[in-house]
Protein backbone atom coordinates (compact mmCIF):
# COMPACT_ATOMS: atom_id res chain seq x y z
CA MET A 1 9.67 -34.44 7.77
CA ILE A 2 11.50 -31.54 8.34
CA ASP A 3 14.53 -31.72 7.53
CA ALA A 4 17.67 -29.95 10.28
CA THR A 5 18.36 -27.31 7.12
CA SER A 6 14.89 -26.52 6.69
CA SER A 7 14.22 -26.13 9.84
CA SER A 8 16.98 -23.27 10.08
CA SER A 9 16.21 -21.98 7.11
CA ILE A 10 12.41 -21.65 8.62
CA GLN A 11 13.75 -19.55 11.64
CA SER A 12 16.19 -17.38 9.58
CA MET A 13 13.04 -16.74 8.44
CA MET A 14 10.78 -16.12 10.68
CA GLU A 15 13.63 -13.66 12.54
CA THR A 16 13.52 -12.02 9.47
CA ILE A 17 9.96 -12.00 9.58
CA ARG A 18 9.82 -10.61 13.38
CA ALA A 19 12.32 -7.86 12.43
CA TYR A 20 10.17 -5.93 9.51
CA GLN A 21 7.37 -6.00 11.70
CA SER A 22 9.21 -4.12 14.32
CA GLN A 23 10.75 -1.93 11.79
CA SER A 24 7.55 -1.04 10.72
CA ARG A 25 4.90 -1.58 13.90
CA ILE A 26 2.89 -4.17 12.59
CA THR A 27 1.72 -5.88 14.73
CA PRO A 28 0.41 -9.53 13.70
CA PRO A 29 -3.33 -11.40 15.78
CA GLU A 30 -2.23 -13.87 18.34
CA VAL A 31 -2.53 -17.53 16.42
CA GLY A 32 -1.70 -19.32 19.73
CA GLU A 33 -4.89 -21.77 21.07
CA SER A 34 -6.97 -18.85 19.01
CA SER A 35 -7.55 -19.61 15.48
CA PHE A 36 -7.92 -17.03 12.50
CA ALA A 37 -11.59 -16.96 12.50
CA LYS A 38 -11.93 -16.07 16.47
CA VAL A 39 -9.29 -13.64 16.23
CA LEU A 40 -10.74 -11.89 13.04
CA THR A 41 -14.67 -11.77 14.30
CA SER A 42 -13.44 -11.20 18.43
CA GLN A 43 -15.49 -8.29 18.87
CA SER A 44 -12.41 -5.56 19.39
CA ASP A 45 -11.85 -6.25 15.95
CA LEU A 46 -14.26 -5.28 14.59
CA THR A 47 -15.07 -2.46 16.81
CA ARG A 48 -11.64 -1.44 15.28
CA VAL A 49 -11.82 -2.31 11.19
CA GLN A 50 -15.40 0.18 11.51
CA ALA A 51 -13.09 2.89 13.42
CA LYS A 52 -10.39 2.64 11.14
CA GLY A 53 -12.89 4.95 8.31
CA PRO A 54 -16.03 6.02 7.46
CA SER A 55 -18.79 3.33 6.07
CA PHE A 56 -19.65 3.42 2.25
CA THR A 57 -22.89 4.88 2.91
CA GLU A 58 -20.99 7.52 4.86
CA SER A 59 -18.76 8.38 1.43
CA ILE A 60 -21.69 8.21 -0.64
CA LYS A 61 -23.09 10.60 1.32
CA GLU A 62 -20.28 13.06 1.33
CA LEU A 63 -19.71 12.70 -1.97
CA VAL A 64 -23.31 13.77 -3.14
CA SER A 65 -22.80 16.99 -0.79
CA LYS A 66 -20.23 17.46 -2.19
CA VAL A 67 -21.28 18.17 -6.01
CA ASN A 68 -23.81 19.89 -4.27
CA ASP A 69 -21.89 22.53 -3.05
CA ALA A 70 -20.33 22.68 -6.28
CA ASP A 71 -23.47 23.24 -7.77
CA ASN A 72 -24.68 24.93 -5.44
CA LYS A 73 -21.90 27.39 -5.77
CA ALA A 74 -21.75 27.86 -9.80
CA ASP A 75 -25.12 28.91 -9.23
CA ALA A 76 -24.57 31.20 -6.61
CA LEU A 77 -21.63 32.99 -8.72
CA GLY A 78 -23.95 32.68 -11.98
CA GLU A 79 -26.69 35.09 -10.64
CA ALA A 80 -24.34 37.54 -9.27
CA TYR A 81 -22.88 38.07 -12.61
CA GLN A 82 -26.18 38.49 -14.27
CA ARG A 83 -27.27 40.59 -11.22
CA GLY A 84 -23.84 42.39 -12.20
CA GLU A 85 -22.08 41.92 -8.99
CA ASP A 86 -17.93 42.42 -9.55
CA VAL A 87 -17.54 38.52 -10.76
CA PRO A 88 -15.41 37.47 -12.96
CA LEU A 89 -16.70 35.80 -16.11
CA THR A 90 -14.28 33.52 -15.77
CA ASP A 91 -14.86 32.30 -12.32
CA VAL A 92 -18.12 31.46 -13.05
CA VAL A 93 -17.53 29.50 -16.18
CA LEU A 94 -14.68 27.76 -13.86
CA SER A 95 -16.87 26.79 -11.25
CA MET A 96 -20.28 25.63 -13.88
CA GLN A 97 -17.42 23.59 -15.20
CA LYS A 98 -15.95 22.02 -12.13
CA ALA A 99 -19.87 21.91 -11.47
CA SER A 100 -21.32 20.18 -15.07
CA LEU A 101 -17.41 17.48 -14.24
CA SER A 102 -18.01 16.29 -10.82
CA PHE A 103 -22.09 15.53 -11.21
CA GLU A 104 -21.43 13.78 -14.54
CA ALA A 105 -18.31 11.38 -13.08
CA THR A 106 -20.70 11.17 -10.09
CA LEU A 107 -22.80 9.94 -12.51
CA GLN A 108 -20.78 7.35 -14.23
CA VAL A 109 -20.30 6.01 -10.75
CA ARG A 110 -23.61 5.54 -10.27
CA ASN A 111 -24.10 3.60 -13.57
CA LYS A 112 -20.88 1.10 -12.72
CA VAL A 113 -21.65 1.03 -9.13
CA LEU A 114 -25.63 -0.43 -10.80
CA LYS A 115 -24.42 -2.20 -12.99
CA ALA A 116 -21.75 -4.69 -10.63
CA TYR A 117 -25.06 -5.32 -8.51
CA GLU A 118 -26.63 -6.43 -11.69
CA ASP A 119 -24.03 -8.62 -12.35
CA ILE A 120 -23.69 -9.82 -9.11
CA MET A 121 -27.41 -10.60 -9.09
CA ASN A 122 -27.53 -12.65 -12.21
CA MET A 123 -24.99 -14.96 -11.42
CA PRO A 124 -25.79 -18.23 -10.43
CA VAL A 125 -25.91 -19.43 -6.90
């Protein structure tokens, strides 16, 4: 039940979309005989999605590693200052504050994730 006006309107819209796609180099999934579910669950798409970035676990490990490195650096600077080495006190204090802030931020993120997990687990099915 598409009249001629709607058909021409749809065609012009499709041409506009194709023009934007060619400008931004976005390639839409092929929609012919296959359905969206088949396109999204095909092995090549899954590996492409996985290859885009690190997994959640890898991101968390990297974050914890950076927090640990900041803490170790602050400890090393503090010990160097106590031994009498030529380390400015401002550098020691700043590194200790950075380590403290990064730990507190990580702790807050952990608390939010745990709260979200508990909320999800307590949802009625």
